[in-house]
């Protein structure tokens, strides 16, 4: 199977003119997933920290 040279150059021109849009959309999806993962991890860490704060508060009231 051979590719016509004019077809190749037309595809190349279209890629150069509009290719950034395709890559921007693909990257945005990954960034959204990464942001969601970080938000979930942040919420989990805050919950762990709150739990530890409660334990420390109980220990402090018992020792006084």
Protein backbone atom coordinates (compact mmCIF):
# COMPACT_ATOMS: atom_id res chain seq x y z
CA UNK A 1 0.00 0.00 0.00
CA UNK A 2 1.45 3.31 -1.07
CA UNK A 3 0.60 6.72 0.23
CA UNK A 4 0.12 9.51 -2.25
CA UNK A 5 2.63 12.29 -1.63
CA UNK A 6 -0.01 15.07 -1.95
CA UNK A 7 -2.23 13.27 0.57
CA UNK A 8 0.69 13.00 3.00
CA UNK A 9 1.48 16.70 2.72
CA UNK A 10 -2.19 17.62 3.19
CA UNK A 11 -2.36 15.49 6.35
CA UNK A 12 0.89 17.02 7.56
CA UNK A 13 -0.43 20.53 6.98
CA UNK A 14 -3.66 19.70 8.84
CA UNK A 15 -1.67 18.30 11.74
CA UNK A 16 0.51 21.40 11.94
CA UNK A 17 -2.51 23.70 11.78
CA UNK A 18 -4.88 21.81 14.10
CA UNK A 19 -2.78 19.24 15.94
CA UNK A 20 -2.33 21.32 19.09
CA UNK A 21 -6.07 21.24 19.74
CA UNK A 22 -6.09 17.43 19.75
CA UNK A 23 -3.17 17.24 22.15
CA UNK A 24 -4.61 19.92 24.43
CA UNK A 25 -7.81 17.93 24.82
CA UNK A 26 -5.95 14.70 25.53
CA UNK A 27 -3.75 16.38 28.13
CA UNK A 28 -6.70 18.03 29.83
CA UNK A 29 -8.27 14.65 30.54
CA UNK A 30 -5.12 13.42 32.21
CA UNK A 31 -4.82 16.61 34.23
CA UNK A 32 -8.41 16.26 35.41
CA UNK A 33 -7.74 12.70 36.56
CA UNK A 34 -4.55 13.74 38.30
CA UNK A 35 -6.34 16.62 40.03
CA UNK A 36 -9.14 14.29 41.17
CA UNK A 37 -6.58 11.81 42.51
CA UNK A 38 -4.79 14.57 44.42
CA UNK A 39 -8.06 15.88 45.86
CA UNK A 40 -9.01 12.39 47.03
CA UNK A 41 -5.60 11.86 48.59
CA UNK A 42 -5.80 15.29 50.23
CA UNK A 43 -9.20 14.47 51.76
CA UNK A 44 -7.88 11.13 53.07
CA UNK A 45 -4.85 12.79 54.64
CA UNK A 46 -7.02 15.45 56.27
CA UNK A 47 -9.22 12.73 57.76
CA UNK A 48 -6.16 10.91 59.13
CA UNK A 49 -4.82 14.15 60.59
CA UNK A 50 -8.16 14.94 62.25
CA UNK A 51 -8.19 11.46 63.80
CA UNK A 52 -4.68 11.92 65.14
CA UNK A 53 -5.59 15.34 66.52
CA UNK A 54 -8.47 13.77 68.43
CA UNK A 55 -6.19 11.10 69.91
CA UNK A 56 -3.65 13.72 70.96
CA UNK A 57 -6.39 15.82 72.54
CA UNK A 58 -7.63 12.81 74.53
CA UNK A 59 -4.12 11.99 75.73
CA UNK A 60 -3.54 15.59 76.76
CA UNK A 61 -6.78 15.75 78.78
CA UNK A 62 -6.01 12.43 80.50
CA UNK A 63 -2.49 13.47 81.50
CA UNK A 64 -3.57 16.78 83.03
